Amino acid sequence: MYLQTEFQLKASARGFHLVTGEVLQACPDFSSIECGLFHLFIKHTSASLTINENADPTVRNDFESHFNTFVPERAPYYQHDYEGDDDMPAHLKSSILGSSVTIPITHGKLNLGIWQGIYFCEHRNHGGKRTVVATISGQPYE
């Protein structure tokens, strides 16, 4: 069984945002899947998806601080700067973190760890709405 939908995440400020609930609301119900996979793919080169801490918001703040230090703006060797100082760093951050996540579905629910959630990582100062493709594949209950 395969289900697929495309949806938009609302425009968000630059940073790391916990979006597990928003994603689940936008996706088809997979409560009938006994065993499967939930795949999310973001259709942008300056934003990313990852899975991490879902309880303490300071983790998301620390992610943003670290990535801004790790991948600085205005590096003298950047050539691609047509869309502003945040453009090339956004592309690099997106490649480092990745454009997709895959989560197991077990007994009709996402099989995330107790402290895990889905992060939408906006790397641009003004990124706008972001389009995500969600694909569910799995074995339904018999």
N, C-alpha and C. Protein backbone atom coordinates (compact mmCIF):
# COMPACT_ATOMS: atom_id res chain seq x y z
N MET A 1 0.85 -1.17 0.00
CA MET A 1 0.00 0.00 0.00
C MET A 1 0.90 1.24 0.00
N TYR A 2 0.54 2.18 -0.85
CA TYR A 2 1.27 3.44 -0.92
C TYR A 2 0.28 4.60 -0.89
N LEU A 3 0.61 5.61 -0.13
CA LEU A 3 -0.15 6.86 -0.08
C LEU A 3 0.84 8.00 -0.22
N GLN A 4 0.44 9.03 -0.94
CA GLN A 4 1.34 10.17 -1.08
C GLN A 4 0.53 11.46 -1.11
N THR A 5 1.07 12.48 -0.45
CA THR A 5 0.46 13.79 -0.47
C THR A 5 1.54 14.85 -0.47
N GLU A 6 1.18 16.01 -0.97
CA GLU A 6 2.08 17.16 -0.98
C GLU A 6 1.39 18.26 -0.18
N PHE A 7 2.13 18.92 0.68
CA PHE A 7 1.56 19.98 1.51
C PHE A 7 2.60 21.06 1.75
N GLN A 8 2.15 22.17 2.31
CA GLN A 8 3.06 23.27 2.59
C GLN A 8 3.18 23.49 4.09
N LEU A 9 4.41 23.69 4.52
CA LEU A 9 4.67 24.16 5.87
C LEU A 9 4.56 25.68 5.83
N LYS A 10 3.97 26.26 6.85
CA LYS A 10 3.81 27.70 6.88
C LYS A 10 5.17 28.39 6.91
N ALA A 11 5.20 29.60 6.41
CA ALA A 11 6.44 30.38 6.44
C ALA A 11 6.88 30.54 7.89
N SER A 12 8.15 30.32 8.13
CA SER A 12 8.68 30.39 9.49
C SER A 12 9.94 31.24 9.51
N ALA A 13 10.22 31.79 10.65
CA ALA A 13 11.46 32.55 10.83
C ALA A 13 12.64 31.61 10.65
N ARG A 14 13.77 32.16 10.35
CA ARG A 14 14.99 31.37 10.26
C ARG A 14 15.19 30.64 11.58
N GLY A 15 15.52 29.36 11.50
CA GLY A 15 15.75 28.58 12.70
C GLY A 15 15.25 27.16 12.55
N PHE A 16 15.23 26.46 13.65
CA PHE A 16 14.84 25.05 13.72
C PHE A 16 13.49 24.97 14.42
N HIS A 17 12.52 24.37 13.75
CA HIS A 17 11.14 24.37 14.23
C HIS A 17 10.62 22.95 14.38
N LEU A 18 10.02 22.65 15.52
CA LEU A 18 9.41 21.35 15.75
C LEU A 18 8.06 21.33 15.03
N VAL A 19 7.89 20.45 14.05
CA VAL A 19 6.70 20.45 13.21
C VAL A 19 5.99 19.09 13.17
N THR A 20 6.27 18.22 14.10
CA THR A 20 5.68 16.88 14.08
C THR A 20 4.16 16.95 13.97
N GLY A 21 3.52 17.74 14.81
CA GLY A 21 2.07 17.85 14.80
C GLY A 21 1.53 18.41 13.50
N GLU A 22 2.18 19.45 12.99
CA GLU A 22 1.76 20.06 11.73
C GLU A 22 1.87 19.06 10.57
N VAL A 23 2.94 18.28 10.57
CA VAL A 23 3.12 17.27 9.52
C VAL A 23 2.04 16.21 9.61
N LEU A 24 1.78 15.72 10.81
CA LEU A 24 0.77 14.66 10.97
C LEU A 24 -0.62 15.15 10.56
N GLN A 25 -0.95 16.40 10.83
CA GLN A 25 -2.25 16.95 10.43
C GLN A 25 -2.38 17.02 8.91
N ALA A 26 -1.28 17.26 8.23
CA ALA A 26 -1.31 17.43 6.78
C ALA A 26 -1.29 16.12 6.02
N CYS A 27 -0.98 15.02 6.69
CA CYS A 27 -0.77 13.74 6.01
C CYS A 27 -1.98 12.82 6.16
N PRO A 28 -2.10 11.89 5.21
CA PRO A 28 -3.18 10.91 5.32
C PRO A 28 -3.04 10.07 6.59
N ASP A 29 -4.15 9.58 7.05
CA ASP A 29 -4.16 8.73 8.24
C ASP A 29 -3.46 7.41 7.93
N PHE A 30 -2.50 7.03 8.74
CA PHE A 30 -1.82 5.76 8.53
C PHE A 30 -2.07 4.79 9.68
N SER A 31 -3.17 4.98 10.38
CA SER A 31 -3.49 4.10 11.51
C SER A 31 -3.78 2.67 11.05
N SER A 32 -4.04 2.48 9.76
CA SER A 32 -4.30 1.13 9.26
C SER A 32 -3.03 0.39 8.84
N ILE A 33 -1.88 1.05 8.96
CA ILE A 33 -0.61 0.43 8.57
C ILE A 33 -0.02 -0.32 9.77
N GLU A 34 0.15 -1.62 9.61
CA GLU A 34 0.75 -2.42 10.68
C GLU A 34 2.26 -2.22 10.73
N CYS A 35 2.89 -2.20 9.56
CA CYS A 35 4.34 -2.06 9.48
C CYS A 35 4.66 -1.32 8.20
N GLY A 36 5.42 -0.22 8.32
CA GLY A 36 5.72 0.53 7.11
C GLY A 36 6.71 1.65 7.34
N LEU A 37 6.77 2.56 6.36
CA LEU A 37 7.70 3.68 6.41
C LEU A 37 6.96 4.97 6.05
N PHE A 38 7.33 6.03 6.74
CA PHE A 38 6.82 7.37 6.49
C PHE A 38 8.00 8.20 6.03
N HIS A 39 7.95 8.65 4.79
CA HIS A 39 9.07 9.39 4.21
C HIS A 39 8.64 10.82 3.93
N LEU A 40 9.44 11.79 4.35
CA LEU A 40 9.20 13.20 4.10
C LEU A 40 10.35 13.76 3.28
N PHE A 41 10.00 14.53 2.25
CA PHE A 41 11.00 15.14 1.38
C PHE A 41 10.63 16.61 1.19
N ILE A 42 11.56 17.51 1.47
CA ILE A 42 11.31 18.94 1.30
C ILE A 42 11.86 19.37 -0.06
N LYS A 43 11.03 20.08 -0.83
CA LYS A 43 11.35 20.41 -2.22
C LYS A 43 12.05 21.77 -2.33
N HIS A 44 13.08 21.96 -1.53
CA HIS A 44 13.80 23.23 -1.53
C HIS A 44 15.27 22.98 -1.26
N THR A 45 16.13 23.87 -1.76
CA THR A 45 17.57 23.71 -1.57
C THR A 45 18.13 24.59 -0.46
N SER A 46 17.26 25.31 0.23
CA SER A 46 17.73 26.19 1.30
C SER A 46 16.98 25.96 2.61
N ALA A 47 16.37 24.79 2.73
CA ALA A 47 15.71 24.37 3.96
C ALA A 47 15.93 22.87 4.08
N SER A 48 15.75 22.34 5.27
CA SER A 48 16.00 20.91 5.46
C SER A 48 15.07 20.33 6.50
N LEU A 49 15.16 19.02 6.64
CA LEU A 49 14.40 18.27 7.63
C LEU A 49 15.38 17.41 8.43
N THR A 50 15.09 17.25 9.70
CA THR A 50 15.89 16.34 10.52
C THR A 50 15.03 15.90 11.70
N ILE A 51 15.54 14.98 12.47
CA ILE A 51 14.85 14.48 13.67
C ILE A 51 15.76 14.73 14.85
N ASN A 52 15.17 15.29 15.91
CA ASN A 52 15.96 15.51 17.11
C ASN A 52 15.04 15.78 18.29
N GLU A 53 15.59 16.31 19.36
CA GLU A 53 14.95 16.58 20.65
C GLU A 53 13.60 17.29 20.50
N ASN A 54 12.55 16.73 21.10
CA ASN A 54 11.23 17.34 20.97
C ASN A 54 10.73 18.01 22.25
N ALA A 55 11.51 18.00 23.31
CA ALA A 55 11.00 18.52 24.58
C ALA A 55 11.57 19.88 24.96
N ASP A 56 12.86 20.07 24.83
CA ASP A 56 13.50 21.29 25.30
C ASP A 56 13.79 22.22 24.12
N PRO A 57 13.11 23.36 24.04
CA PRO A 57 13.32 24.27 22.90
C PRO A 57 14.72 24.87 22.83
N THR A 58 15.48 24.83 23.92
CA THR A 58 16.84 25.37 23.84
C THR A 58 17.71 24.55 22.91
N VAL A 59 17.37 23.29 22.69
CA VAL A 59 18.12 22.46 21.74
C VAL A 59 18.01 23.07 20.35
N ARG A 60 16.81 23.50 19.96
CA ARG A 60 16.63 24.10 18.64
C ARG A 60 17.39 25.42 18.53
N ASN A 61 17.41 26.20 19.61
CA ASN A 61 18.19 27.45 19.61
C ASN A 61 19.68 27.16 19.48
N ASP A 62 20.14 26.12 20.17
CA ASP A 62 21.55 25.75 20.09
C ASP A 62 21.92 25.25 18.69
N PHE A 63 21.01 24.51 18.05
CA PHE A 63 21.23 24.09 16.67
C PHE A 63 21.46 25.31 15.78
N GLU A 64 20.58 26.30 15.88
CA GLU A 64 20.70 27.50 15.05
C GLU A 64 22.02 28.22 15.33
N SER A 65 22.37 28.38 16.59
CA SER A 65 23.63 29.04 16.93
C SER A 65 24.83 28.28 16.39
N HIS A 66 24.82 26.96 16.55
CA HIS A 66 25.94 26.16 16.08
C HIS A 66 26.08 26.24 14.56
N PHE A 67 24.98 26.07 13.84
CA PHE A 67 25.06 26.07 12.39
C PHE A 67 25.45 27.44 11.85
N ASN A 68 25.07 28.52 12.53
CA ASN A 68 25.48 29.86 12.10
C ASN A 68 26.98 30.07 12.30
N THR A 69 27.56 29.39 13.28
CA THR A 69 29.00 29.46 13.50
C THR A 69 29.73 28.51 12.54
N PHE A 70 29.20 27.31 12.40
CA PHE A 70 29.78 26.26 11.57
C PHE A 70 29.75 26.63 10.09
N VAL A 71 28.67 27.29 9.65
CA VAL A 71 28.50 27.70 8.25
C VAL A 71 28.18 29.20 8.25
N PRO A 72 29.21 30.04 8.30
CA PRO A 72 28.99 31.48 8.45
C PRO A 72 28.51 32.15 7.16
N GLU A 73 27.90 33.29 7.32
CA GLU A 73 27.57 34.14 6.18
C GLU A 73 28.81 34.92 5.76
N ARG A 74 28.80 35.34 4.50
CA ARG A 74 29.84 36.21 3.96
C ARG A 74 31.25 35.59 4.00
N ALA A 75 31.35 34.29 3.87
CA ALA A 75 32.69 33.69 3.76
C ALA A 75 33.34 34.23 2.49
N PRO A 76 34.60 34.60 2.53
CA PRO A 76 35.23 35.27 1.39
C PRO A 76 35.31 34.39 0.13
N TYR A 77 35.19 33.10 0.26
CA TYR A 77 35.29 32.20 -0.89
C TYR A 77 33.93 31.89 -1.53
N TYR A 78 32.81 32.35 -0.95
CA TYR A 78 31.50 32.13 -1.56
C TYR A 78 31.39 32.93 -2.85
N GLN A 79 30.95 32.27 -3.90
CA GLN A 79 30.68 32.94 -5.16
C GLN A 79 29.19 33.15 -5.38
N HIS A 80 28.39 32.23 -4.87
CA HIS A 80 26.94 32.28 -5.06
C HIS A 80 26.32 33.16 -3.96
N ASP A 81 26.05 34.40 -4.30
CA ASP A 81 25.47 35.32 -3.31
C ASP A 81 24.39 36.21 -3.94
N TYR A 82 23.82 35.75 -5.05
CA TYR A 82 22.84 36.54 -5.79
C TYR A 82 21.61 36.91 -4.96
N GLU A 83 21.24 36.04 -4.05
CA GLU A 83 20.02 36.26 -3.27
C GLU A 83 20.29 36.72 -1.85
N GLY A 84 21.48 37.17 -1.56
CA GLY A 84 21.78 37.70 -0.24
C GLY A 84 22.81 36.89 0.52
N ASP A 85 23.21 37.44 1.64
CA ASP A 85 24.26 36.82 2.47
C ASP A 85 23.86 35.48 3.05
N ASP A 86 22.56 35.24 3.21
CA ASP A 86 22.11 33.98 3.79
C ASP A 86 21.92 32.87 2.76
N ASP A 87 22.10 33.19 1.47
CA ASP A 87 21.78 32.23 0.41
C ASP A 87 22.72 31.03 0.37
N MET A 88 23.99 31.24 0.17
CA MET A 88 24.93 30.11 0.08
C MET A 88 25.00 29.33 1.38
N PRO A 89 25.06 29.99 2.55
CA PRO A 89 25.04 29.21 3.78
C PRO A 89 23.78 28.34 3.90
N ALA A 90 22.64 28.84 3.40
CA ALA A 90 21.41 28.05 3.45
C ALA A 90 21.54 26.78 2.62
N HIS A 91 22.15 26.88 1.44
CA HIS A 91 22.35 25.70 0.60
C HIS A 91 23.27 24.70 1.29
N LEU A 92 24.34 25.19 1.90
CA LEU A 92 25.27 24.29 2.60
C LEU A 92 24.61 23.59 3.77
N LYS A 93 23.87 24.36 4.58
CA LYS A 93 23.18 23.78 5.74
C LYS A 93 22.17 22.72 5.30
N SER A 94 21.47 23.00 4.20
CA SER A 94 20.50 22.04 3.68
C SER A 94 21.18 20.74 3.27
N SER A 95 22.33 20.84 2.62
CA SER A 95 23.04 19.63 2.20
C SER A 95 23.61 18.87 3.39
N ILE A 96 24.06 19.58 4.40
CA ILE A 96 24.61 18.93 5.59
C ILE A 96 23.51 18.15 6.32
N LEU A 97 22.36 18.77 6.52
CA LEU A 97 21.27 18.14 7.27
C LEU A 97 20.43 17.20 6.42
N GLY A 98 20.23 17.53 5.17
CA GLY A 98 19.49 16.66 4.26
C GLY A 98 18.09 17.15 3.97
N SER A 99 17.56 16.65 2.86
CA SER A 99 16.25 17.06 2.39
C SER A 99 15.15 16.08 2.74
N SER A 100 15.47 15.02 3.47
CA SER A 100 14.41 14.05 3.79
C SER A 100 14.69 13.32 5.11
N VAL A 101 13.63 12.78 5.65
CA VAL A 101 13.69 11.89 6.81
C VAL A 101 12.76 10.71 6.55
N THR A 102 13.10 9.57 7.09
CA THR A 102 12.27 8.38 7.00
C THR A 102 12.07 7.84 8.41
N ILE A 103 10.81 7.60 8.75
CA ILE A 103 10.45 7.15 10.10
C ILE A 103 9.64 5.87 9.99
N PRO A 104 9.95 4.86 10.79
CA PRO A 104 9.15 3.64 10.76
C PRO A 104 7.73 3.89 11.26
N ILE A 105 6.79 3.14 10.67
CA ILE A 105 5.42 3.10 11.16
C ILE A 105 5.24 1.72 11.78
N THR A 106 4.82 1.68 13.02
CA THR A 106 4.60 0.42 13.72
C THR A 106 3.24 0.46 14.38
N HIS A 107 2.40 -0.49 14.05
CA HIS A 107 1.05 -0.58 14.62
C HIS A 107 0.29 0.74 14.48
N GLY A 108 0.37 1.35 13.28
CA GLY A 108 -0.42 2.53 12.96
C GLY A 108 0.09 3.84 13.51
N LYS A 109 1.30 3.85 14.08
CA LYS A 109 1.85 5.08 14.67
C LYS A 109 3.31 5.24 14.25
N LEU A 110 3.76 6.51 14.24
CA LEU A 110 5.19 6.74 14.02
C LEU A 110 5.98 6.14 15.16
N ASN A 111 7.03 5.43 14.82
CA ASN A 111 7.85 4.77 15.82
C ASN A 111 9.08 5.63 16.13
N LEU A 112 8.81 6.82 16.65
CA LEU A 112 9.87 7.73 17.08
C LEU A 112 10.26 7.42 18.51
N GLY A 113 11.47 7.79 18.88
CA GLY A 113 11.89 7.68 20.27
C GLY A 113 11.11 8.67 21.13
N ILE A 114 11.10 8.46 22.42
CA ILE A 114 10.29 9.26 23.33
C ILE A 114 10.64 10.75 23.28
N TRP A 115 11.88 11.09 22.97
CA TRP A 115 12.29 12.50 22.95
C TRP A 115 12.54 12.99 21.53
N GLN A 116 12.00 12.31 20.52
CA GLN A 116 12.26 12.69 19.14
C GLN A 116 11.06 13.37 18.49
N GLY A 117 11.38 14.36 17.65
CA GLY A 117 10.37 15.03 16.85
C GLY A 117 10.96 15.44 15.52
N ILE A 118 10.07 15.82 14.60
CA ILE A 118 10.49 16.23 13.26
C ILE A 118 10.78 17.73 13.28
N TYR A 119 11.96 18.09 12.83
CA TYR A 119 12.35 19.49 12.71
C TYR A 119 12.25 19.94 11.26
N PHE A 120 11.66 21.11 11.07
CA PHE A 120 11.77 21.86 9.83
C PHE A 120 12.86 22.90 10.07
N CYS A 121 13.88 22.89 9.25
CA CYS A 121 15.02 23.77 9.43
C CYS A 121 15.00 24.84 8.34
N GLU A 122 14.62 26.04 8.71
CA GLU A 122 14.57 27.15 7.76
C GLU A 122 15.91 27.88 7.83
N HIS A 123 16.63 27.87 6.72
CA HIS A 123 17.97 28.44 6.70
C HIS A 123 18.03 29.83 6.07
N ARG A 124 16.90 30.31 5.56
CA ARG A 124 16.86 31.64 4.95
C ARG A 124 16.19 32.62 5.91
N ASN A 125 16.57 33.89 5.79
CA ASN A 125 15.93 34.92 6.61
C ASN A 125 14.46 35.08 6.25
N HIS A 126 14.12 34.90 4.98
CA HIS A 126 12.74 35.03 4.51
C HIS A 126 12.47 33.92 3.50
N GLY A 127 12.29 32.72 3.99
CA GLY A 127 12.15 31.57 3.10
C GLY A 127 10.77 31.38 2.51
N GLY A 128 9.75 31.84 3.18
CA GLY A 128 8.39 31.64 2.69
C GLY A 128 7.87 30.24 3.00
N LYS A 129 6.71 29.94 2.41
CA LYS A 129 6.13 28.60 2.58
C LYS A 129 7.04 27.58 1.93
N ARG A 130 7.07 26.39 2.53
CA ARG A 130 7.93 25.31 2.01
C ARG A 130 7.08 24.09 1.69
N THR A 131 7.33 23.49 0.54
CA THR A 131 6.55 22.35 0.07
C THR A 131 7.24 21.05 0.48
N VAL A 132 6.43 20.13 1.00
CA VAL A 132 6.92 18.83 1.46
C VAL A 132 6.08 17.73 0.80
N VAL A 133 6.74 16.67 0.38
CA VAL A 133 6.07 15.48 -0.14
C VAL A 133 6.16 14.41 0.94
N ALA A 134 5.01 13.87 1.32
CA ALA A 134 4.96 12.78 2.30
C ALA A 134 4.52 11.51 1.59
N THR A 135 5.29 10.44 1.78
CA THR A 135 4.96 9.14 1.19
C THR A 135 4.87 8.11 2.29
N ILE A 136 3.79 7.39 2.30
CA ILE A 136 3.56 6.32 3.27
C ILE A 136 3.56 5.02 2.49
N SER A 137 4.37 4.08 2.92
CA SER A 137 4.37 2.76 2.32
C SER A 137 4.33 1.73 3.44
N GLY A 138 3.56 0.70 3.23
CA GLY A 138 3.52 -0.31 4.28
C GLY A 138 2.46 -1.37 4.08
N GLN A 139 2.50 -2.29 5.01
CA GLN A 139 1.56 -3.42 5.03
C GLN A 139 0.39 -3.07 5.93
N PRO A 140 -0.82 -3.02 5.37
CA PRO A 140 -1.99 -2.76 6.23
C PRO A 140 -2.28 -3.98 7.11
N TYR A 141 -3.02 -3.72 8.17
CA TYR A 141 -3.49 -4.82 9.01
C TYR A 141 -4.32 -5.75 8.14
N GLU A 142 -4.22 -7.05 8.40
CA GLU A 142 -5.02 -8.04 7.64
C GLU A 142 -6.27 -8.40 8.37
